[in-house]
C-alpha atoms as a PDB file:
ATOM      1  CA  UNK A   1      46.824 174.992 120.814  1.00  0.00           C
ATOM      2  CA  UNK A   2      43.362 174.138 119.492  1.00  0.00           C
ATOM      3  CA  UNK A   3      41.395 171.031 120.210  1.00  0.00           C
ATOM      4  CA  UNK A   4      38.691 169.657 118.015  1.00  0.00           C
ATOM      5  CA  UNK A   5      35.788 167.908 119.644  1.00  0.00           C
ATOM      6  CA  UNK A   6      33.932 165.237 117.632  1.00  0.00           C
ATOM      7  CA  UNK A   7      30.546 163.597 118.369  1.00  0.00           C
ATOM      8  CA  UNK A   8      30.567 160.526 116.114  1.00  0.00           C
ATOM      9  CA  UNK A   9      27.292 158.857 115.023  1.00  0.00           C
ATOM     10  CA  UNK A  10      26.360 156.452 112.261  1.00  0.00           C
ATOM     11  CA  UNK A  11      25.245 159.243 109.867  1.00  0.00           C
ATOM     12  CA  UNK A  12      26.871 162.418 111.139  1.00  0.00           C
ATOM     13  CA  UNK A  13      29.865 163.752 113.084  1.00  0.00           C
ATOM     14  CA  UNK A  14      29.317 166.890 115.084  1.00  0.00           C
ATOM     15  CA  UNK A  15      32.339 169.157 115.171  1.00  0.00           C
ATOM     16  CA  UNK A  16      33.481 171.757 117.721  1.00  0.00           C
ATOM     17  CA  UNK A  17      36.838 173.582 118.120  1.00  0.00           C
ATOM     18  CA  UNK A  18      38.301 175.324 121.056  1.00  0.00           C
ATOM     19  CA  UNK A  19      39.474 179.008 121.039  1.00  0.00           C
ATOM     20  CA  UNK A  20      43.198 179.584 120.627  1.00  0.00           C
ATOM     21  CA  UNK A  21      43.726 179.555 124.438  1.00  0.00           C
ATOM     22  CA  UNK A  22      41.894 176.338 124.934  1.00  0.00           C
ATOM     23  CA  UNK A  23      39.255 177.812 127.235  1.00  0.00           C
ATOM     24  CA  UNK A  24      35.928 177.594 125.312  1.00  0.00           C
ATOM     25  CA  UNK A  25      34.376 175.347 122.703  1.00  0.00           C
ATOM     26  CA  UNK A  26      32.419 176.530 119.705  1.00  0.00           C
ATOM     27  CA  UNK A  27      30.275 174.393 117.406  1.00  0.00           C
ATOM     28  CA  UNK A  28      31.508 174.444 113.847  1.00  0.00           C
ATOM     29  CA  UNK A  29      29.385 172.080 111.699  1.00  0.00           C
ATOM     30  CA  UNK A  30      27.948 168.659 111.270  1.00  0.00           C
ATOM     31  CA  UNK A  31      29.562 166.445 108.726  1.00  0.00           C
ATOM     32  CA  UNK A  32      27.441 163.801 106.941  1.00  0.00           C
ATOM     33  CA  UNK A  33      29.043 160.377 106.960  1.00  0.00           C
ATOM     34  CA  UNK A  34      27.981 156.818 106.022  1.00  0.00           C
ATOM     35  CA  UNK A  35      29.537 154.387 108.482  1.00  0.00           C
ATOM     36  CA  UNK A  36      28.188 151.350 106.577  1.00  0.00           C
ATOM     37  CA  UNK A  37      29.915 152.431 103.366  1.00  0.00           C
ATOM     38  CA  UNK A  38      33.181 153.369 105.050  1.00  0.00           C
ATOM     39  CA  UNK A  39      32.723 157.117 104.550  1.00  0.00           C
ATOM     40  CA  UNK A  40      33.899 158.843 107.721  1.00  0.00           C
ATOM     41  CA  UNK A  41      34.241 162.417 106.635  1.00  0.00           C
ATOM     42  CA  UNK A  42      38.052 162.498 107.162  1.00  0.00           C
ATOM     43  CA  UNK A  43      38.665 164.731 104.149  1.00  0.00           C
ATOM     44  CA  UNK A  44      36.399 167.449 105.661  1.00  0.00           C
ATOM     45  CA  UNK A  45      37.938 166.941 109.131  1.00  0.00           C
ATOM     46  CA  UNK A  46      41.354 167.430 107.500  1.00  0.00           C
ATOM     47  CA  UNK A  47      40.189 170.729 105.946  1.00  0.00           C
ATOM     48  CA  UNK A  48      38.985 171.873 109.338  1.00  0.00           C
ATOM     49  CA  UNK A  49      42.292 170.762 111.042  1.00  0.00           C
ATOM     50  CA  UNK A  50      44.176 173.009 108.609  1.00  0.00           C
ATOM     51  CA  UNK A  51      41.741 175.886 108.825  1.00  0.00           C
ATOM     52  CA  UNK A  52      41.672 175.977 112.643  1.00  0.00           C
ATOM     53  CA  UNK A  53      45.296 174.752 113.174  1.00  0.00           C
ATOM     54  CA  UNK A  54      44.054 171.886 115.375  1.00  0.00           C
ATOM     55  CA  UNK A  55      46.703 170.133 117.493  1.00  0.00           C
ATOM     56  CA  UNK A  56      44.533 167.463 119.198  1.00  0.00           C
ATOM     57  CA  UNK A  57      41.194 165.644 118.945  1.00  0.00           C
ATOM     58  CA  UNK A  58      38.614 164.787 121.600  1.00  0.00           C
ATOM     59  CA  UNK A  59      36.234 162.063 120.510  1.00  0.00           C
ATOM     60  CA  UNK A  60      33.051 161.392 122.432  1.00  0.00           C
ATOM     61  CA  UNK A  61      33.078 157.940 124.018  1.00  0.00           C
ATOM     62  CA  UNK A  62      29.559 156.693 124.610  1.00  0.00           C
ATOM     63  CA  UNK A  63      29.975 154.120 127.419  1.00  0.00           C
ATOM     64  CA  UNK A  64      26.991 152.301 128.820  1.00  0.00           C
ATOM     65  CA  UNK A  65      25.681 153.487 132.213  1.00  0.00           C
ATOM     66  CA  UNK A  66      27.234 150.429 133.836  1.00  0.00           C
ATOM     67  CA  UNK A  67      30.616 151.575 132.491  1.00  0.00           C
ATOM     68  CA  UNK A  68      30.828 148.849 129.780  1.00  0.00           C
ATOM     69  CA  UNK A  69      31.651 149.573 126.144  1.00  0.00           C
ATOM     70  CA  UNK A  70      28.924 148.727 123.653  1.00  0.00           C
ATOM     71  CA  UNK A  71      28.753 148.867 119.797  1.00  0.00           C
ATOM     72  CA  UNK A  72      28.786 152.735 119.669  1.00  0.00           C
ATOM     73  CA  UNK A  73      31.734 152.876 122.022  1.00  0.00           C
ATOM     74  CA  UNK A  74      33.571 150.405 119.752  1.00  0.00           C
ATOM     75  CA  UNK A  75      32.752 152.652 116.804  1.00  0.00           C
ATOM     76  CA  UNK A  76      34.264 155.564 118.599  1.00  0.00           C
ATOM     77  CA  UNK A  77      37.449 153.642 119.325  1.00  0.00           C
ATOM     78  CA  UNK A  78      37.696 152.692 115.609  1.00  0.00           C
ATOM     79  CA  UNK A  79      37.194 156.433 114.650  1.00  0.00           C
ATOM     80  CA  UNK A  80      39.883 157.428 117.113  1.00  0.00           C
ATOM     81  CA  UNK A  81      42.245 154.954 115.423  1.00  0.00           C
ATOM     82  CA  UNK A  82      41.401 156.322 111.953  1.00  0.00           C
ATOM     83  CA  UNK A  83      42.115 159.856 113.186  1.00  0.00           C
ATOM     84  CA  UNK A  84      45.479 158.840 114.679  1.00  0.00           C
ATOM     85  CA  UNK A  85      46.456 157.135 111.420  1.00  0.00           C
ATOM     86  CA  UNK A  86      45.294 159.934 109.155  1.00  0.00           C
ATOM     87  CA  UNK A  87      46.509 162.973 111.084  1.00  0.00           C
ATOM     88  CA  UNK A  88      49.230 161.797 113.542  1.00  0.00           C
ATOM     89  CA  UNK A  89      47.744 163.993 116.271  1.00  0.00           C
ATOM     90  CA  UNK A  90      46.865 162.933 119.768  1.00  0.00           C
ATOM     91  CA  UNK A  91      43.278 161.720 120.240  1.00  0.00           C
ATOM     92  CA  UNK A  92      41.524 161.506 123.633  1.00  0.00           C
ATOM     93  CA  UNK A  93      38.322 159.524 124.099  1.00  0.00           C
ATOM     94  CA  UNK A  94      36.013 161.497 126.403  1.00  0.00           C
ATOM     95  CA  UNK A  95      33.215 159.875 128.353  1.00  0.00           C
ATOM     96  CA  UNK A  96      30.080 161.361 126.777  1.00  0.00           C
ATOM     97  CA  UNK A  97      27.320 159.536 128.676  1.00  0.00           C
ATOM     98  CA  UNK A  98      24.093 161.582 128.494  1.00  0.00           C
ATOM     99  CA  UNK A  99      25.707 164.359 126.429  1.00  0.00           C
ATOM    100  CA  UNK A 100      23.277 164.166 123.622  1.00  0.00           C
ATOM    101  CA  UNK A 101      20.334 164.176 126.021  1.00  0.00           C
ATOM    102  CA  UNK A 102      21.844 167.241 127.801  1.00  0.00           C
ATOM    103  CA  UNK A 103      22.353 168.954 124.460  1.00  0.00           C
ATOM    104  CA  UNK A 104      18.733 168.225 123.532  1.00  0.00           C
ATOM    105  CA  UNK A 105      17.536 169.615 126.909  1.00  0.00           C
ATOM    106  CA  UNK A 106      19.480 172.870 126.321  1.00  0.00           C
ATOM    107  CA  UNK A 107      18.041 173.245 122.919  1.00  0.00           C
ATOM    108  CA  UNK A 108      14.452 172.583 124.191  1.00  0.00           C
ATOM    109  CA  UNK A 109      14.926 175.156 126.966  1.00  0.00           C
ATOM    110  CA  UNK A 110      16.097 177.622 124.292  1.00  0.00           C
ATOM    111  CA  UNK A 111      12.757 176.902 122.481  1.00  0.00           C
ATOM    112  CA  UNK A 112      14.433 175.539 119.367  1.00  0.00           C
ATOM    113  CA  UNK A 113      11.882 173.701 117.245  1.00  0.00           C
ATOM    114  CA  UNK A 114      12.176 169.896 116.895  1.00  0.00           C
ATOM    115  CA  UNK A 115      12.977 170.129 113.151  1.00  0.00           C
ATOM    116  CA  UNK A 116      15.809 172.597 113.849  1.00  0.00           C
ATOM    117  CA  UNK A 117      17.082 170.669 116.836  1.00  0.00           C
ATOM    118  CA  UNK A 118      17.871 167.657 114.636  1.00  0.00           C
ATOM    119  CA  UNK A 119      20.092 169.892 112.503  1.00  0.00           C
ATOM    120  CA  UNK A 120      22.230 171.079 115.419  1.00  0.00           C
ATOM    121  CA  UNK A 121      22.110 168.424 118.068  1.00  0.00           C
ATOM    122  CA  UNK A 122      25.322 166.650 117.077  1.00  0.00           C
ATOM    123  CA  UNK A 123      27.250 169.933 116.865  1.00  0.00           C
ATOM    124  CA  UNK A 124      25.952 170.936 120.293  1.00  0.00           C
ATOM    125  CA  UNK A 125      26.925 167.510 121.716  1.00  0.00           C
ATOM    126  CA  UNK A 126      30.406 168.013 120.231  1.00  0.00           C
ATOM    127  CA  UNK A 127      30.597 171.415 122.077  1.00  0.00           C
ATOM    128  CA  UNK A 128      29.593 169.769 125.332  1.00  0.00           C
ATOM    129  CA  UNK A 129      32.085 166.979 124.896  1.00  0.00           C
ATOM    130  CA  UNK A 130      34.963 169.412 124.073  1.00  0.00           C
ATOM    131  CA  UNK A 131      33.974 171.904 126.879  1.00  0.00           C
ATOM    132  CA  UNK A 132      33.997 169.108 129.417  1.00  0.00           C
ATOM    133  CA  UNK A 133      37.473 168.107 128.342  1.00  0.00           C
ATOM    134  CA  UNK A 134      38.729 171.686 128.337  1.00  0.00           C
ATOM    135  CA  UNK A 135      37.287 172.346 131.786  1.00  0.00           C
ATOM    136  CA  UNK A 136      38.890 169.224 133.215  1.00  0.00           C
ATOM    137  CA  UNK A 137      42.262 169.988 131.532  1.00  0.00           C
ATOM    138  CA  UNK A 138      42.335 173.542 133.051  1.00  0.00           C
ATOM    139  CA  UNK A 139      42.539 172.135 136.623  1.00  0.00           C
END
């Protein structure tokens, strides 16, 4: 059983996968997308699903701090529906409030330069989303 964590933005999707036992999350890559043009990177996601034998998805769900769902949350719901339709695998929405900020903090503490942080922030956020899910699932 492997899970794939996805941090969905307007221009990129950060991707992480779990190890075969479902204990740890590893960042894989960042897929470029164009939400406005309807390009969601599903072909590349499909390649990764096959390569890693993914059995479920975990999609970051950016709720507002007051627990309401804004435009980015609605975009995550739409992405979830696209994944379900395309792959017929279970998809869990995972509350990702402050995940990107936490990922940025980790990268700053690791002394990663600003230019390099932009290249890996979405992948790191996907790792944090997936790891949170895996940790909760193990209880």
